[in-house]
Amino acid sequence: MIAGLHHLQLAIPEGGEDAARGFYAGVLGLTEVPKPAALRGRGGLWFEGPGLQLHLGVDHPFRPATKAHPGLRVDDLDAATCHLDAQGVSWRRDIDLPGLRRVYVDDPHGNRIELLELV
């Protein structure tokens, strides 16, 4: 029945687009893509990267996702954490799982993001 994952959506607060843009495009390197005209008035942003689409939608009232999170795969977790350090972005290591090394980082609005490397 399910053919694949089309996108993942996270919430941001009203007016949070610039901070989100700085993190998702500026730090994580995702590409911002235009939202369809019919949805632009709702606020928020859409991004894409290799094999992924991430939608950020304005939510009233806003509450960050501190448990539920996207797991974004990186090729080199050590290089990714060095990049985060250079950008002044805090991260925290989590327990590695079989076949995975991983860390967590919070976006500017408190949404938890997992960065993981397949090993």
C-alpha atoms as a PDB file:
ATOM      1  CA  MET A   1       0.000   0.000   0.000  1.00  0.00           C
ATOM      2  CA  ILE A   2       2.735   2.539   0.923  1.00  0.00           C
ATOM      3  CA  ALA A   3       5.097   3.321  -1.938  1.00  0.00           C
ATOM      4  CA  GLY A   4       7.492   5.582  -0.037  1.00  0.00           C
ATOM      5  CA  LEU A   5       7.829   8.726   2.007  1.00  0.00           C
ATOM      6  CA  HIS A   6       6.927  11.912   0.127  1.00  0.00           C
ATOM      7  CA  HIS A   7       7.786  14.518   2.789  1.00  0.00           C
ATOM      8  CA  LEU A   8       8.024  15.205   6.472  1.00  0.00           C
ATOM      9  CA  GLN A   9       6.510  18.292   8.090  1.00  0.00           C
ATOM     10  CA  LEU A  10       7.649  20.089  11.236  1.00  0.00           C
ATOM     11  CA  ALA A  11       5.991  23.070  12.875  1.00  0.00           C
ATOM     12  CA  ILE A  12       7.503  26.508  13.351  1.00  0.00           C
ATOM     13  CA  PRO A  13       6.068  29.565  15.090  1.00  0.00           C
ATOM     14  CA  GLU A  14       4.568  32.447  13.159  1.00  0.00           C
ATOM     15  CA  GLY A  15       7.378  34.681  11.900  1.00  0.00           C
ATOM     16  CA  GLY A  16       9.958  31.904  12.324  1.00  0.00           C
ATOM     17  CA  GLU A  17      10.803  31.547   8.648  1.00  0.00           C
ATOM     18  CA  ASP A  18      14.071  33.525   8.674  1.00  0.00           C
ATOM     19  CA  ALA A  19      15.519  31.586  11.611  1.00  0.00           C
ATOM     20  CA  ALA A  20      14.422  28.306  10.005  1.00  0.00           C
ATOM     21  CA  ARG A  21      15.937  29.349   6.671  1.00  0.00           C
ATOM     22  CA  GLY A  22      19.247  30.123   8.394  1.00  0.00           C
ATOM     23  CA  PHE A  23      19.334  26.678   9.990  1.00  0.00           C
ATOM     24  CA  TYR A  24      17.907  24.358   7.332  1.00  0.00           C
ATOM     25  CA  ALA A  25      19.552  26.054   4.333  1.00  0.00           C
ATOM     26  CA  GLY A  26      22.470  27.833   5.989  1.00  0.00           C
ATOM     27  CA  VAL A  27      23.624  25.138   8.410  1.00  0.00           C
ATOM     28  CA  LEU A  28      22.206  21.866   7.067  1.00  0.00           C
ATOM     29  CA  GLY A  29      22.622  22.800   3.398  1.00  0.00           C
ATOM     30  CA  LEU A  30      19.097  21.962   2.233  1.00  0.00           C
ATOM     31  CA  THR A  31      17.696  23.871  -0.734  1.00  0.00           C
ATOM     32  CA  GLU A  32      14.616  26.022  -0.242  1.00  0.00           C
ATOM     33  CA  VAL A  33      11.947  25.357  -2.853  1.00  0.00           C
ATOM     34  CA  PRO A  34       8.903  27.528  -3.553  1.00  0.00           C
ATOM     35  CA  LYS A  35       5.633  26.486  -1.978  1.00  0.00           C
ATOM     36  CA  PRO A  36       2.699  26.157  -4.350  1.00  0.00           C
ATOM     37  CA  ALA A  37       0.874  29.490  -4.776  1.00  0.00           C
ATOM     38  CA  ALA A  38      -2.242  28.128  -3.059  1.00  0.00           C
ATOM     39  CA  LEU A  39      -0.240  27.493   0.155  1.00  0.00           C
ATOM     40  CA  ARG A  40       2.024  30.558   0.338  1.00  0.00           C
ATOM     41  CA  GLY A  41      -0.409  32.609   2.411  1.00  0.00           C
ATOM     42  CA  ARG A  42      -0.146  30.115   5.279  1.00  0.00           C
ATOM     43  CA  GLY A  43       3.502  30.937   5.968  1.00  0.00           C
ATOM     44  CA  GLY A  44       6.185  28.344   6.394  1.00  0.00           C
ATOM     45  CA  LEU A  45       8.881  27.030   4.076  1.00  0.00           C
ATOM     46  CA  TRP A  46       9.702  23.955   2.038  1.00  0.00           C
ATOM     47  CA  PHE A  47      13.172  22.451   1.635  1.00  0.00           C
ATOM     48  CA  GLU A  48      14.641  19.547  -0.243  1.00  0.00           C
ATOM     49  CA  GLY A  49      17.861  17.598  -0.243  1.00  0.00           C
ATOM     50  CA  PRO A  50      19.059  14.298  -1.650  1.00  0.00           C
ATOM     51  CA  GLY A  51      16.060  11.973  -1.390  1.00  0.00           C
ATOM     52  CA  LEU A  52      14.138  14.147   1.054  1.00  0.00           C
ATOM     53  CA  GLN A  53      11.516  16.873   1.243  1.00  0.00           C
ATOM     54  CA  LEU A  54      10.998  18.783   4.476  1.00  0.00           C
ATOM     55  CA  HIS A  55       8.035  21.099   4.948  1.00  0.00           C
ATOM     56  CA  LEU A  56       7.940  23.635   7.777  1.00  0.00           C
ATOM     57  CA  GLY A  57       4.451  24.836   8.563  1.00  0.00           C
ATOM     58  CA  VAL A  58       3.294  27.597  10.882  1.00  0.00           C
ATOM     59  CA  ASP A  59       1.345  26.205  13.831  1.00  0.00           C
ATOM     60  CA  HIS A  60      -0.852  28.116  16.299  1.00  0.00           C
ATOM     61  CA  PRO A  61      -0.114  27.631  19.108  1.00  0.00           C
ATOM     62  CA  PHE A  62       3.391  26.469  18.354  1.00  0.00           C
ATOM     63  CA  ARG A  63       4.906  23.608  20.307  1.00  0.00           C
ATOM     64  CA  PRO A  64       8.286  22.183  19.238  1.00  0.00           C
ATOM     65  CA  ALA A  65       8.683  18.487  18.499  1.00  0.00           C
ATOM     66  CA  THR A  66      11.067  17.462  21.267  1.00  0.00           C
ATOM     67  CA  LYS A  67      10.579  13.702  20.992  1.00  0.00           C
ATOM     68  CA  ALA A  68       9.250  13.016  17.477  1.00  0.00           C
ATOM     69  CA  HIS A  69      11.944  13.938  14.962  1.00  0.00           C
ATOM     70  CA  PRO A  70      13.283  13.393  11.457  1.00  0.00           C
ATOM     71  CA  GLY A  71      16.390  11.246  11.106  1.00  0.00           C
ATOM     72  CA  LEU A  72      18.597  12.827   8.453  1.00  0.00           C
ATOM     73  CA  ARG A  73      21.361  10.632   7.073  1.00  0.00           C
ATOM     74  CA  VAL A  74      24.857  12.084   6.670  1.00  0.00           C
ATOM     75  CA  ASP A  75      27.842  10.470   4.956  1.00  0.00           C
ATOM     76  CA  ASP A  76      30.357  11.407   7.686  1.00  0.00           C
ATOM     77  CA  LEU A  77      29.054  12.121  11.182  1.00  0.00           C
ATOM     78  CA  ASP A  78      32.434  13.391  12.426  1.00  0.00           C
ATOM     79  CA  ALA A  79      32.597  15.929   9.589  1.00  0.00           C
ATOM     80  CA  ALA A  80      28.968  16.906  10.264  1.00  0.00           C
ATOM     81  CA  THR A  81      29.623  17.564  13.957  1.00  0.00           C
ATOM     82  CA  CYS A  82      32.756  19.578  13.089  1.00  0.00           C
ATOM     83  CA  HIS A  83      30.607  21.634  10.703  1.00  0.00           C
ATOM     84  CA  LEU A  84      28.011  22.177  13.446  1.00  0.00           C
ATOM     85  CA  ASP A  85      30.763  23.259  15.860  1.00  0.00           C
ATOM     86  CA  ALA A  86      32.092  25.742  13.283  1.00  0.00           C
ATOM     87  CA  GLN A  87      28.569  27.149  12.872  1.00  0.00           C
ATOM     88  CA  GLY A  88      28.142  27.492  16.643  1.00  0.00           C
ATOM     89  CA  VAL A  89      25.352  24.893  16.712  1.00  0.00           C
ATOM     90  CA  SER A  90      25.205  22.670  19.794  1.00  0.00           C
ATOM     91  CA  TRP A  91      24.684  18.946  19.368  1.00  0.00           C
ATOM     92  CA  ARG A  92      24.473  15.970  21.668  1.00  0.00           C
ATOM     93  CA  ARG A  93      25.579  12.409  21.076  1.00  0.00           C
ATOM     94  CA  ASP A  94      23.077   9.632  21.609  1.00  0.00           C
ATOM     95  CA  ILE A  95      23.517   5.920  22.070  1.00  0.00           C
ATOM     96  CA  ASP A  96      24.688   4.349  18.847  1.00  0.00           C
ATOM     97  CA  LEU A  97      22.436   1.611  17.529  1.00  0.00           C
ATOM     98  CA  PRO A  98      23.493  -1.410  15.470  1.00  0.00           C
ATOM     99  CA  GLY A  99      24.582  -0.010  12.124  1.00  0.00           C
ATOM    100  CA  LEU A 100      24.057   3.644  13.183  1.00  0.00           C
ATOM    101  CA  ARG A 101      26.089   6.432  14.765  1.00  0.00           C
ATOM    102  CA  ARG A 102      23.926   9.410  15.699  1.00  0.00           C
ATOM    103  CA  VAL A 103      23.657  12.823  17.296  1.00  0.00           C
ATOM    104  CA  TYR A 104      20.794  15.184  17.994  1.00  0.00           C
ATOM    105  CA  VAL A 105      20.602  18.890  17.275  1.00  0.00           C
ATOM    106  CA  ASP A 106      17.738  21.333  17.840  1.00  0.00           C
ATOM    107  CA  ASP A 107      16.554  23.712  15.157  1.00  0.00           C
ATOM    108  CA  PRO A 108      16.155  27.385  16.193  1.00  0.00           C
ATOM    109  CA  HIS A 109      12.598  26.667  17.338  1.00  0.00           C
ATOM    110  CA  GLY A 110      13.409  23.657  19.529  1.00  0.00           C
ATOM    111  CA  ASN A 111      12.467  20.879  17.093  1.00  0.00           C
ATOM    112  CA  ARG A 112      14.732  17.856  17.576  1.00  0.00           C
ATOM    113  CA  ILE A 113      16.679  16.688  14.507  1.00  0.00           C
ATOM    114  CA  GLU A 114      18.666  13.448  14.413  1.00  0.00           C
ATOM    115  CA  LEU A 115      21.750  13.273  12.218  1.00  0.00           C
ATOM    116  CA  LEU A 116      22.860   9.720  11.605  1.00  0.00           C
ATOM    117  CA  GLU A 117      25.589   7.855   9.786  1.00  0.00           C
ATOM    118  CA  LEU A 118      25.138   4.299   8.569  1.00  0.00           C
ATOM    119  CA  VAL A 119      28.124   2.159   9.593  1.00  0.00           C
END
